[in-house]
């Protein structure tokens, strides 16, 4: 593997050309893809995403785990961030996903192609990842999100399944609502003798095309309630989210850099996110009922 850096640079250069069909412009993509300097969150957990799209790296000597892949055009930036932190992209053994919308999943195919990592997802999300196009029952289907290059091999997860890479153990929590296949992840990270529960909570916002009514889909409303209850019940010392603003990730980083060593630690963060999401869902349901 002594020639890996040269090979890596060649593959990175080829990524955009190989994925041209998946790089359909979107109004927010340029802002979402603004670079972000990578940083350690806590222990073996790192942020390697863009300024607006989270990608999380969990590291061990036996291999790396990556959660989410951001946009297709984010893949070179993610790989560069991993290398900046001193890790080797070819050591990624497992790539996981929160939900299969293009802004969190389009980068998975080029990252898998580059690293050979296993990709695992919920059954609903796995089908979307393989196609690279939204499912007909996705609330955002009629927003016509851009397609992305499909992931050819995706292993299916079951709810509450724990996946392992060396000493790393990440548990999948199916949290439907934003999509039917939404998945949150939990794991432990330690610094010296202090171990904390980290939760990467999937999006739990009722976002859709204008013609979609959540009140016409009671199974999805029930999914939201299941997900919110699960999030409230999770041990949660550090909260992370696919869009970093929902967990104040970069604001917490700034606070830590200004001298607060515990800025990322907030044992009430998961509960507060669940309460905020429940309020947003209730507002959406009330709007739909008033419009009848």
C-alpha atoms as a PDB file:
ATOM      1  CA  UNK A   1       0.000   0.000   0.000  1.00  0.00           C
ATOM      2  CA  UNK A   2       3.045   2.329  -0.208  1.00  0.00           C
ATOM      3  CA  UNK A   3       1.602   4.026  -3.304  1.00  0.00           C
ATOM      4  CA  UNK A   4      -1.780   4.716  -1.678  1.00  0.00           C
ATOM      5  CA  UNK A   5      -1.512   8.561  -1.678  1.00  0.00           C
ATOM      6  CA  UNK A   6      -0.926   8.654  -5.446  1.00  0.00           C
ATOM      7  CA  UNK A   7      -3.697   6.148  -6.065  1.00  0.00           C
ATOM      8  CA  UNK A   8      -5.998   8.115  -3.785  1.00  0.00           C
ATOM      9  CA  UNK A   9      -5.381  11.346  -5.637  1.00  0.00           C
ATOM     10  CA  UNK A  10      -6.134   9.637  -8.931  1.00  0.00           C
ATOM     11  CA  UNK A  11      -9.370   8.184  -7.653  1.00  0.00           C
ATOM     12  CA  UNK A  12     -10.433  11.478  -6.152  1.00  0.00           C
ATOM     13  CA  UNK A  13      -9.805  13.234  -9.436  1.00  0.00           C
ATOM     14  CA  UNK A  14     -11.976  10.677 -11.199  1.00  0.00           C
ATOM     15  CA  UNK A  15     -14.861  10.886  -8.734  1.00  0.00           C
ATOM     16  CA  UNK A  16     -16.753  13.812 -10.279  1.00  0.00           C
ATOM     17  CA  UNK A  17     -16.492  12.399 -13.777  1.00  0.00           C
ATOM     18  CA  UNK A  18     -17.733   9.008 -12.647  1.00  0.00           C
ATOM     19  CA  UNK A  19     -20.699  10.579 -10.892  1.00  0.00           C
ATOM     20  CA  UNK A  20     -21.677  13.394 -13.272  1.00  0.00           C
ATOM     21  CA  UNK A  21     -25.191  12.054 -13.665  1.00  0.00           C
ATOM     22  CA  UNK A  22     -25.612  12.161  -9.884  1.00  0.00           C
ATOM     23  CA  UNK A  23     -24.507  15.766  -9.474  1.00  0.00           C
ATOM     24  CA  UNK A  24     -27.745  17.461 -10.491  1.00  0.00           C
ATOM     25  CA  UNK A  25     -27.602  21.038  -9.183  1.00  0.00           C
ATOM     26  CA  UNK A  26     -29.784  21.977  -6.236  1.00  0.00           C
ATOM     27  CA  UNK A  27     -30.430  25.395  -4.754  1.00  0.00           C
ATOM     28  CA  UNK A  28     -28.734  24.607  -1.435  1.00  0.00           C
ATOM     29  CA  UNK A  29     -25.897  22.342  -2.560  1.00  0.00           C
ATOM     30  CA  UNK A  30     -23.171  24.995  -2.780  1.00  0.00           C
ATOM     31  CA  UNK A  31     -23.955  26.249   0.732  1.00  0.00           C
ATOM     32  CA  UNK A  32     -24.213  22.713   2.090  1.00  0.00           C
ATOM     33  CA  UNK A  33     -20.804  21.821   0.650  1.00  0.00           C
ATOM     34  CA  UNK A  34     -18.816  24.722   2.146  1.00  0.00           C
ATOM     35  CA  UNK A  35     -15.659  23.152   3.641  1.00  0.00           C
ATOM     36  CA  UNK A  36     -15.297  22.553   7.360  1.00  0.00           C
ATOM     37  CA  UNK A  37     -12.040  21.871   9.185  1.00  0.00           C
ATOM     38  CA  UNK A  38     -12.371  18.383  10.726  1.00  0.00           C
ATOM     39  CA  UNK A  39     -12.216  18.038  14.500  1.00  0.00           C
ATOM     40  CA  UNK A  40     -12.431  15.595  17.369  1.00  0.00           C
ATOM     41  CA  UNK A  41     -15.798  15.584  19.102  1.00  0.00           C
ATOM     42  CA  UNK A  42     -14.954  13.256  21.982  1.00  0.00           C
ATOM     43  CA  UNK A  43     -12.682  10.270  22.398  1.00  0.00           C
ATOM     44  CA  UNK A  44     -12.608   8.239  19.186  1.00  0.00           C
ATOM     45  CA  UNK A  45     -15.421  10.248  17.542  1.00  0.00           C
ATOM     46  CA  UNK A  46     -14.663  12.910  14.925  1.00  0.00           C
ATOM     47  CA  UNK A  47     -16.478  15.311  12.576  1.00  0.00           C
ATOM     48  CA  UNK A  48     -15.308  14.975   8.945  1.00  0.00           C
ATOM     49  CA  UNK A  49     -18.274  16.482   7.101  1.00  0.00           C
ATOM     50  CA  UNK A  50     -18.918  19.822   5.455  1.00  0.00           C
ATOM     51  CA  UNK A  51     -19.979  23.015   7.199  1.00  0.00           C
ATOM     52  CA  UNK A  52     -23.674  22.156   6.775  1.00  0.00           C
ATOM     53  CA  UNK A  53     -23.785  18.353   6.435  1.00  0.00           C
ATOM     54  CA  UNK A  54     -22.539  16.076   9.187  1.00  0.00           C
ATOM     55  CA  UNK A  55     -20.341  13.082   8.472  1.00  0.00           C
ATOM     56  CA  UNK A  56     -19.103  11.275  11.566  1.00  0.00           C
ATOM     57  CA  UNK A  57     -15.975   9.142  11.867  1.00  0.00           C
ATOM     58  CA  UNK A  58     -15.481   6.665  14.719  1.00  0.00           C
ATOM     59  CA  UNK A  59     -11.940   5.305  14.863  1.00  0.00           C
ATOM     60  CA  UNK A  60     -10.148   2.240  16.189  1.00  0.00           C
ATOM     61  CA  UNK A  61      -6.880   0.482  15.393  1.00  0.00           C
ATOM     62  CA  UNK A  62      -8.937  -2.340  13.860  1.00  0.00           C
ATOM     63  CA  UNK A  63     -10.799  -0.074  11.440  1.00  0.00           C
ATOM     64  CA  UNK A  64     -12.931   3.031  10.951  1.00  0.00           C
ATOM     65  CA  UNK A  65     -16.694   3.557  10.817  1.00  0.00           C
ATOM     66  CA  UNK A  66     -18.299   6.385   8.834  1.00  0.00           C
ATOM     67  CA  UNK A  67     -21.872   7.639   9.315  1.00  0.00           C
ATOM     68  CA  UNK A  68     -23.401   9.400   6.283  1.00  0.00           C
ATOM     69  CA  UNK A  69     -21.736  10.565   3.089  1.00  0.00           C
ATOM     70  CA  UNK A  70     -23.162  14.048   2.408  1.00  0.00           C
ATOM     71  CA  UNK A  71     -23.323  15.022  -1.304  1.00  0.00           C
ATOM     72  CA  UNK A  72     -21.582  13.294  -4.206  1.00  0.00           C
ATOM     73  CA  UNK A  73     -19.269  16.275  -4.558  1.00  0.00           C
ATOM     74  CA  UNK A  74     -18.527  16.152  -0.806  1.00  0.00           C
ATOM     75  CA  UNK A  75     -16.673  12.831  -1.097  1.00  0.00           C
ATOM     76  CA  UNK A  76     -13.210  14.307  -1.893  1.00  0.00           C
ATOM     77  CA  UNK A  77     -13.594  16.750   0.990  1.00  0.00           C
ATOM     78  CA  UNK A  78     -14.576  13.945   3.385  1.00  0.00           C
ATOM     79  CA  UNK A  79     -11.582  11.854   2.337  1.00  0.00           C
ATOM     80  CA  UNK A  80      -9.287  14.852   2.720  1.00  0.00           C
ATOM     81  CA  UNK A  81     -10.677  15.548   6.194  1.00  0.00           C
ATOM     82  CA  UNK A  82     -10.066  11.951   7.240  1.00  0.00           C
ATOM     83  CA  UNK A  83      -6.460  12.197   6.090  1.00  0.00           C
ATOM     84  CA  UNK A  84      -6.030  15.572   7.812  1.00  0.00           C
ATOM     85  CA  UNK A  85      -6.911  13.884  11.101  1.00  0.00           C
ATOM     86  CA  UNK A  86      -4.187  11.311  10.494  1.00  0.00           C
ATOM     87  CA  UNK A  87      -6.374   8.353   9.473  1.00  0.00           C
ATOM     88  CA  UNK A  88      -6.251   6.309   6.277  1.00  0.00           C
ATOM     89  CA  UNK A  89      -9.451   6.254   4.192  1.00  0.00           C
ATOM     90  CA  UNK A  90      -8.737   2.659   3.134  1.00  0.00           C
ATOM     91  CA  UNK A  91      -9.184   1.668   6.796  1.00  0.00           C
ATOM     92  CA  UNK A  92     -12.915   2.493   6.648  1.00  0.00           C
ATOM     93  CA  UNK A  93     -14.606  -0.876   7.162  1.00  0.00           C
ATOM     94  CA  UNK A  94     -18.232   0.182   7.570  1.00  0.00           C
ATOM     95  CA  UNK A  95     -20.386   3.018   6.197  1.00  0.00           C
ATOM     96  CA  UNK A  96     -23.749   3.696   7.846  1.00  0.00           C
ATOM     97  CA  UNK A  97     -26.607   6.074   7.013  1.00  0.00           C
ATOM     98  CA  UNK A  98     -29.164   8.188   8.861  1.00  0.00           C
ATOM     99  CA  UNK A  99     -31.636   8.534   6.004  1.00  0.00           C
ATOM    100  CA  UNK A 100     -31.329   8.071   2.268  1.00  0.00           C
ATOM    101  CA  UNK A 101     -31.992  11.604   1.003  1.00  0.00           C
ATOM    102  CA  UNK A 102     -29.336  12.799  -1.433  1.00  0.00           C
ATOM    103  CA  UNK A 103     -27.843  15.373   0.952  1.00  0.00           C
ATOM    104  CA  UNK A 104     -26.797  12.633   3.384  1.00  0.00           C
ATOM    105  CA  UNK A 105     -26.416   9.609   1.116  1.00  0.00           C
ATOM    106  CA  UNK A 106     -25.173  10.666  -2.327  1.00  0.00           C
ATOM    107  CA  UNK A 107     -21.540  10.533  -1.216  1.00  0.00           C
ATOM    108  CA  UNK A 108     -21.810   6.926  -0.028  1.00  0.00           C
ATOM    109  CA  UNK A 109     -21.355   5.297  -3.453  1.00  0.00           C
ATOM    110  CA  UNK A 110     -18.045   7.057  -4.282  1.00  0.00           C
ATOM    111  CA  UNK A 111     -16.803   6.498  -0.731  1.00  0.00           C
ATOM    112  CA  UNK A 112     -17.652   2.798  -0.919  1.00  0.00           C
ATOM    113  CA  UNK A 113     -16.001   2.558  -4.325  1.00  0.00           C
ATOM    114  CA  UNK A 114     -12.857   4.206  -2.973  1.00  0.00           C
ATOM    115  CA  UNK A 115     -12.572   2.238   0.282  1.00  0.00           C
ATOM    116  CA  UNK A 116     -14.306  -1.087  -0.371  1.00  0.00           C
ATOM    117  CA  UNK A 117     -16.203  -0.617   2.906  1.00  0.00           C
ATOM    118  CA  UNK A 118     -19.366  -2.519   3.773  1.00  0.00           C
ATOM    119  CA  UNK A 119     -22.532  -0.390   3.690  1.00  0.00           C
ATOM    120  CA  UNK A 120     -25.439  -1.245   5.996  1.00  0.00           C
ATOM    121  CA  UNK A 121     -28.891   0.366   6.226  1.00  0.00           C
ATOM    122  CA  UNK A 122     -32.498  -0.271   7.200  1.00  0.00           C
ATOM    123  CA  UNK A 123     -34.487  -2.250   4.602  1.00  0.00           C
ATOM    124  CA  UNK A 124     -36.395   0.820   3.353  1.00  0.00           C
ATOM    125  CA  UNK A 125     -33.248   2.941   3.129  1.00  0.00           C
ATOM    126  CA  UNK A 126     -31.260   0.120   1.532  1.00  0.00           C
ATOM    127  CA  UNK A 127     -33.690  -0.020  -1.376  1.00  0.00           C
ATOM    128  CA  UNK A 128     -33.402   3.741  -1.917  1.00  0.00           C
ATOM    129  CA  UNK A 129     -29.598   3.603  -1.645  1.00  0.00           C
ATOM    130  CA  UNK A 130     -29.436   0.878  -4.282  1.00  0.00           C
ATOM    131  CA  UNK A 131     -31.593   2.875  -6.735  1.00  0.00           C
ATOM    132  CA  UNK A 132     -30.350   6.370  -5.945  1.00  0.00           C
ATOM    133  CA  UNK A 133     -33.857   7.749  -6.505  1.00  0.00           C
ATOM    134  CA  UNK A 134     -36.538   8.616  -3.934  1.00  0.00           C
ATOM    135  CA  UNK A 135     -39.190   6.076  -2.972  1.00  0.00           C
ATOM    136  CA  UNK A 136     -42.787   6.821  -4.037  1.00  0.00           C
ATOM    137  CA  UNK A 137     -43.847   6.874  -0.370  1.00  0.00           C
ATOM    138  CA  UNK A 138     -41.192   9.409   0.650  1.00  0.00           C
ATOM    139  CA  UNK A 139     -42.906  12.636   1.836  1.00  0.00           C
ATOM    140  CA  UNK A 140     -40.349  14.577  -0.224  1.00  0.00           C
ATOM    141  CA  UNK A 141     -40.792  12.503  -3.403  1.00  0.00           C
ATOM    142  CA  UNK A 142     -42.702  15.218  -5.262  1.00  0.00           C
ATOM    143  CA  UNK A 143     -40.040  17.797  -4.469  1.00  0.00           C
ATOM    144  CA  UNK A 144     -38.085  15.999  -7.228  1.00  0.00           C
ATOM    145  CA  UNK A 145     -34.794  15.668  -5.365  1.00  0.00           C
ATOM    146  CA  UNK A 146     -31.815  14.982  -7.636  1.00  0.00           C
ATOM    147  CA  UNK A 147     -30.871  11.328  -8.185  1.00  0.00           C
ATOM    148  CA  UNK A 148     -27.499   9.995  -7.133  1.00  0.00           C
ATOM    149  CA  UNK A 149     -25.304   7.040  -8.014  1.00  0.00           C
ATOM    150  CA  UNK A 150     -26.743   3.927  -6.403  1.00  0.00           C
ATOM    151  CA  UNK A 151     -24.851   1.778  -3.922  1.00  0.00           C
ATOM    152  CA  UNK A 152     -24.681  -1.733  -5.410  1.00  0.00           C
ATOM    153  CA  UNK A 153     -24.205  -3.715  -2.208  1.00  0.00           C
ATOM    154  CA  UNK A 154     -26.100  -2.761   0.942  1.00  0.00           C
ATOM    155  CA  UNK A 155     -26.510  -5.097   3.891  1.00  0.00           C
ATOM    156  CA  UNK A 156     -29.865  -5.002   5.687  1.00  0.00           C
ATOM    157  CA  UNK A 157     -30.118  -3.970   9.318  1.00  0.00           C
ATOM    158  CA  UNK A 158     -32.672  -4.909  11.932  1.00  0.00           C
ATOM    159  CA  UNK A 159     -33.915  -2.538  14.618  1.00  0.00           C
ATOM    160  CA  UNK A 160     -31.632  -2.406  17.687  1.00  0.00           C
ATOM    161  CA  UNK A 161     -28.933  -4.397  15.887  1.00  0.00           C
ATOM    162  CA  UNK A 162     -25.380  -3.711  17.059  1.00  0.00           C
ATOM    163  CA  UNK A 163     -22.616  -3.619  14.452  1.00  0.00           C
ATOM    164  CA  UNK A 164     -18.967  -4.045  15.414  1.00  0.00           C
ATOM    165  CA  UNK A 165     -15.617  -3.049  13.957  1.00  0.00           C
ATOM    166  CA  UNK A 166     -12.888  -4.157  16.333  1.00  0.00           C
ATOM    167  CA  UNK A 167     -13.779  -2.656  19.724  1.00  0.00           C
ATOM    168  CA  UNK A 168     -16.343  -0.251  18.221  1.00  0.00           C
ATOM    169  CA  UNK A 169     -20.005  -1.137  18.785  1.00  0.00           C
ATOM    170  CA  UNK A 170     -22.734   0.968  17.158  1.00  0.00           C
ATOM    171  CA  UNK A 171     -26.432   0.260  17.694  1.00  0.00           C
ATOM    172  CA  UNK A 172     -29.089   1.025  15.077  1.00  0.00           C
ATOM    173  CA  UNK A 173     -32.359   2.544  16.261  1.00  0.00           C
ATOM    174  CA  UNK A 174     -35.041   2.691  13.581  1.00  0.00           C
ATOM    175  CA  UNK A 175     -36.568   6.172  13.853  1.00  0.00           C
ATOM    176  CA  UNK A 176     -39.109   6.584  11.037  1.00  0.00           C
ATOM    177  CA  UNK A 177     -40.894   9.842  10.332  1.00  0.00           C
ATOM    178  CA  UNK A 178     -38.753  12.135   8.184  1.00  0.00           C
ATOM    179  CA  UNK A 179     -38.487   9.017   5.999  1.00  0.00           C
ATOM    180  CA  UNK A 180     -39.807   5.547   6.668  1.00  0.00           C
ATOM    181  CA  UNK A 181     -36.276   4.151   6.834  1.00  0.00           C
ATOM    182  CA  UNK A 182     -34.736   6.702   9.187  1.00  0.00           C
ATOM    183  CA  UNK A 183     -32.084   5.320  11.533  1.00  0.00           C
ATOM    184  CA  UNK A 184     -30.415   6.868  14.558  1.00  0.00           C
ATOM    185  CA  UNK A 185     -27.159   5.510  15.955  1.00  0.00           C
ATOM    186  CA  UNK A 186     -25.700   5.234  19.449  1.00  0.00           C
ATOM    187  CA  UNK A 187     -22.274   4.246  20.746  1.00  0.00           C
ATOM    188  CA  UNK A 188     -19.824   4.886  23.570  1.00  0.00           C
ATOM    189  CA  UNK A 189     -16.666   6.976  23.306  1.00  0.00           C
ATOM    190  CA  UNK A 190     -14.077   7.279  26.042  1.00  0.00           C
ATOM    191  CA  UNK A 191     -11.366   9.733  27.049  1.00  0.00           C
ATOM    192  CA  UNK A 192      -9.076   8.221  29.640  1.00  0.00           C
ATOM    193  CA  UNK A 193     -11.486   6.740  32.224  1.00  0.00           C
ATOM    194  CA  UNK A 194     -14.542   8.804  31.224  1.00  0.00           C
ATOM    195  CA  UNK A 195     -16.925   7.104  28.799  1.00  0.00           C
ATOM    196  CA  UNK A 196     -19.925   8.943  27.347  1.00  0.00           C
ATOM    197  CA  UNK A 197     -23.023   7.932  25.389  1.00  0.00           C
ATOM    198  CA  UNK A 198     -23.101   9.532  21.924  1.00  0.00           C
ATOM    199  CA  UNK A 199     -26.291   9.635  19.838  1.00  0.00           C
ATOM    200  CA  UNK A 200     -26.441  10.511  16.155  1.00  0.00           C
ATOM    201  CA  UNK A 201     -30.154  11.257  15.921  1.00  0.00           C
ATOM    202  CA  UNK A 202     -31.720  11.117  12.486  1.00  0.00           C
ATOM    203  CA  UNK A 203     -33.793  14.050  11.242  1.00  0.00           C
ATOM    204  CA  UNK A 204     -37.242  14.106  12.831  1.00  0.00           C
ATOM    205  CA  UNK A 205     -38.852  16.987  10.948  1.00  0.00           C
ATOM    206  CA  UNK A 206     -42.110  16.761   8.998  1.00  0.00           C
ATOM    207  CA  UNK A 207     -40.773  18.139   5.702  1.00  0.00           C
ATOM    208  CA  UNK A 208     -42.587  17.324   2.472  1.00  0.00           C
ATOM    209  CA  UNK A 209     -43.892  18.502  -0.844  1.00  0.00           C
ATOM    210  CA  UNK A 210     -46.851  20.887  -0.574  1.00  0.00           C
ATOM    211  CA  UNK A 211     -49.300  18.249  -1.760  1.00  0.00           C
ATOM    212  CA  UNK A 212     -48.312  15.715   0.910  1.00  0.00           C
ATOM    213  CA  UNK A 213     -50.445  15.348   4.026  1.00  0.00           C
ATOM    214  CA  UNK A 214     -48.957  13.521   6.987  1.00  0.00           C
ATOM    215  CA  UNK A 215     -52.476  13.163   8.388  1.00  0.00           C
ATOM    216  CA  UNK A 216     -53.304  10.911   5.409  1.00  0.00           C
ATOM    217  CA  UNK A 217     -50.505   8.555   6.494  1.00  0.00           C
ATOM    218  CA  UNK A 218     -51.221   7.486  10.089  1.00  0.00           C
ATOM    219  CA  UNK A 219     -48.463   4.869   9.990  1.00  0.00           C
ATOM    220  CA  UNK A 220     -45.911   7.659   9.480  1.00  0.00           C
ATOM    221  CA  UNK A 221     -47.375   9.720  12.322  1.00  0.00           C
ATOM    222  CA  UNK A 222     -47.141   6.614  14.494  1.00  0.00           C
ATOM    223  CA  UNK A 223     -43.550   6.248  13.333  1.00  0.00           C
ATOM    224  CA  UNK A 224     -42.788   9.790  14.481  1.00  0.00           C
ATOM    225  CA  UNK A 225     -44.213   9.057  17.918  1.00  0.00           C
ATOM    226  CA  UNK A 226     -42.187   5.847  18.212  1.00  0.00           C
ATOM    227  CA  UNK A 227     -39.047   7.689  17.174  1.00  0.00           C
ATOM    228  CA  UNK A 228     -39.547  10.620  19.532  1.00  0.00           C
ATOM    229  CA  UNK A 229     -40.198   8.314  22.469  1.00  0.00           C
ATOM    230  CA  UNK A 230     -37.079   6.304  21.610  1.00  0.00           C
ATOM    231  CA  UNK A 231     -34.945   9.454  21.397  1.00  0.00           C
ATOM    232  CA  UNK A 232     -36.211  10.670  24.766  1.00  0.00           C
ATOM    233  CA  UNK A 233     -35.352   7.329  26.366  1.00  0.00           C
ATOM    234  CA  UNK A 234     -31.814   6.944  24.977  1.00  0.00           C
ATOM    235  CA  UNK A 235     -28.805   7.470  27.224  1.00  0.00           C
ATOM    236  CA  UNK A 236     -27.419  10.606  25.619  1.00  0.00           C
ATOM    237  CA  UNK A 237     -24.452  12.652  26.804  1.00  0.00           C
ATOM    238  CA  UNK A 238     -23.520  14.075  23.389  1.00  0.00           C
ATOM    239  CA  UNK A 239     -26.046  14.675  20.613  1.00  0.00           C
ATOM    240  CA  UNK A 240     -25.103  14.833  16.923  1.00  0.00           C
ATOM    241  CA  UNK A 241     -27.455  15.269  13.957  1.00  0.00           C
ATOM    242  CA  UNK A 242     -27.256  14.995  10.128  1.00  0.00           C
ATOM    243  CA  UNK A 243     -27.600  18.790   9.862  1.00  0.00           C
ATOM    244  CA  UNK A 244     -25.187  20.092  12.517  1.00  0.00           C
ATOM    245  CA  UNK A 245     -27.368  23.070  13.351  1.00  0.00           C
ATOM    246  CA  UNK A 246     -30.037  20.870  14.948  1.00  0.00           C
ATOM    247  CA  UNK A 247     -27.535  19.784  17.604  1.00  0.00           C
ATOM    248  CA  UNK A 248     -25.554  23.067  17.744  1.00  0.00           C
ATOM    249  CA  UNK A 249     -22.452  21.084  16.783  1.00  0.00           C
ATOM    250  CA  UNK A 250     -20.411  23.967  15.411  1.00  0.00           C
ATOM    251  CA  UNK A 251     -21.603  26.376  18.105  1.00  0.00           C
ATOM    252  CA  UNK A 252     -20.460  23.847  20.703  1.00  0.00           C
ATOM    253  CA  UNK A 253     -17.114  23.559  18.916  1.00  0.00           C
ATOM    254  CA  UNK A 254     -16.703  27.335  19.104  1.00  0.00           C
ATOM    255  CA  UNK A 255     -17.588  27.306  22.812  1.00  0.00           C
ATOM    256  CA  UNK A 256     -14.998  24.606  23.455  1.00  0.00           C
ATOM    257  CA  UNK A 257     -12.357  26.551  21.541  1.00  0.00           C
ATOM    258  CA  UNK A 258     -13.146  29.550  23.764  1.00  0.00           C
ATOM    259  CA  UNK A 259     -12.396  27.550  26.898  1.00  0.00           C
ATOM    260  CA  UNK A 260     -15.355  25.323  27.820  1.00  0.00           C
ATOM    261  CA  UNK A 261     -13.937  21.764  27.715  1.00  0.00           C
ATOM    262  CA  UNK A 262     -17.379  20.207  28.223  1.00  0.00           C
ATOM    263  CA  UNK A 263     -19.222  22.211  25.567  1.00  0.00           C
ATOM    264  CA  UNK A 264     -20.357  19.102  23.676  1.00  0.00           C
ATOM    265  CA  UNK A 265     -21.728  17.383  26.769  1.00  0.00           C
ATOM    266  CA  UNK A 266     -25.433  17.944  27.424  1.00  0.00           C
ATOM    267  CA  UNK A 267     -27.376  15.049  28.935  1.00  0.00           C
ATOM    268  CA  UNK A 268     -30.664  16.815  28.160  1.00  0.00           C
ATOM    269  CA  UNK A 269     -29.932  17.414  24.463  1.00  0.00           C
ATOM    270  CA  UNK A 270     -31.773  14.355  23.119  1.00  0.00           C
ATOM    271  CA  UNK A 271     -34.846  15.133  25.186  1.00  0.00           C
ATOM    272  CA  UNK A 272     -34.806  18.765  24.049  1.00  0.00           C
ATOM    273  CA  UNK A 273     -34.548  17.714  20.396  1.00  0.00           C
ATOM    274  CA  UNK A 274     -37.456  15.289  20.845  1.00  0.00           C
ATOM    275  CA  UNK A 275     -39.578  18.001  22.437  1.00  0.00           C
ATOM    276  CA  UNK A 276     -38.773  20.460  19.665  1.00  0.00           C
ATOM    277  CA  UNK A 277     -39.535  17.860  16.991  1.00  0.00           C
ATOM    278  CA  UNK A 278     -42.812  16.938  18.679  1.00  0.00           C
ATOM    279  CA  UNK A 279     -43.821  20.598  18.729  1.00  0.00           C
ATOM    280  CA  UNK A 280     -42.989  20.940  15.032  1.00  0.00           C
ATOM    281  CA  UNK A 281     -44.989  17.838  14.160  1.00  0.00           C
ATOM    282  CA  UNK A 282     -48.011  19.037  16.164  1.00  0.00           C
ATOM    283  CA  UNK A 283     -47.880  22.372  14.339  1.00  0.00           C
ATOM    284  CA  UNK A 284     -47.803  20.606  10.960  1.00  0.00           C
ATOM    285  CA  UNK A 285     -50.719  18.334  11.884  1.00  0.00           C
ATOM    286  CA  UNK A 286     -52.756  21.316  13.091  1.00  0.00           C
ATOM    287  CA  UNK A 287     -52.103  23.168   9.845  1.00  0.00           C
ATOM    288  CA  UNK A 288     -53.260  20.176   7.799  1.00  0.00           C
ATOM    289  CA  UNK A 289     -56.400  19.760   9.893  1.00  0.00           C
ATOM    290  CA  UNK A 290     -57.241  23.463   9.618  1.00  0.00           C
ATOM    291  CA  UNK A 291     -56.886  23.290   5.834  1.00  0.00           C
ATOM    292  CA  UNK A 292     -59.491  20.543   5.425  1.00  0.00           C
END
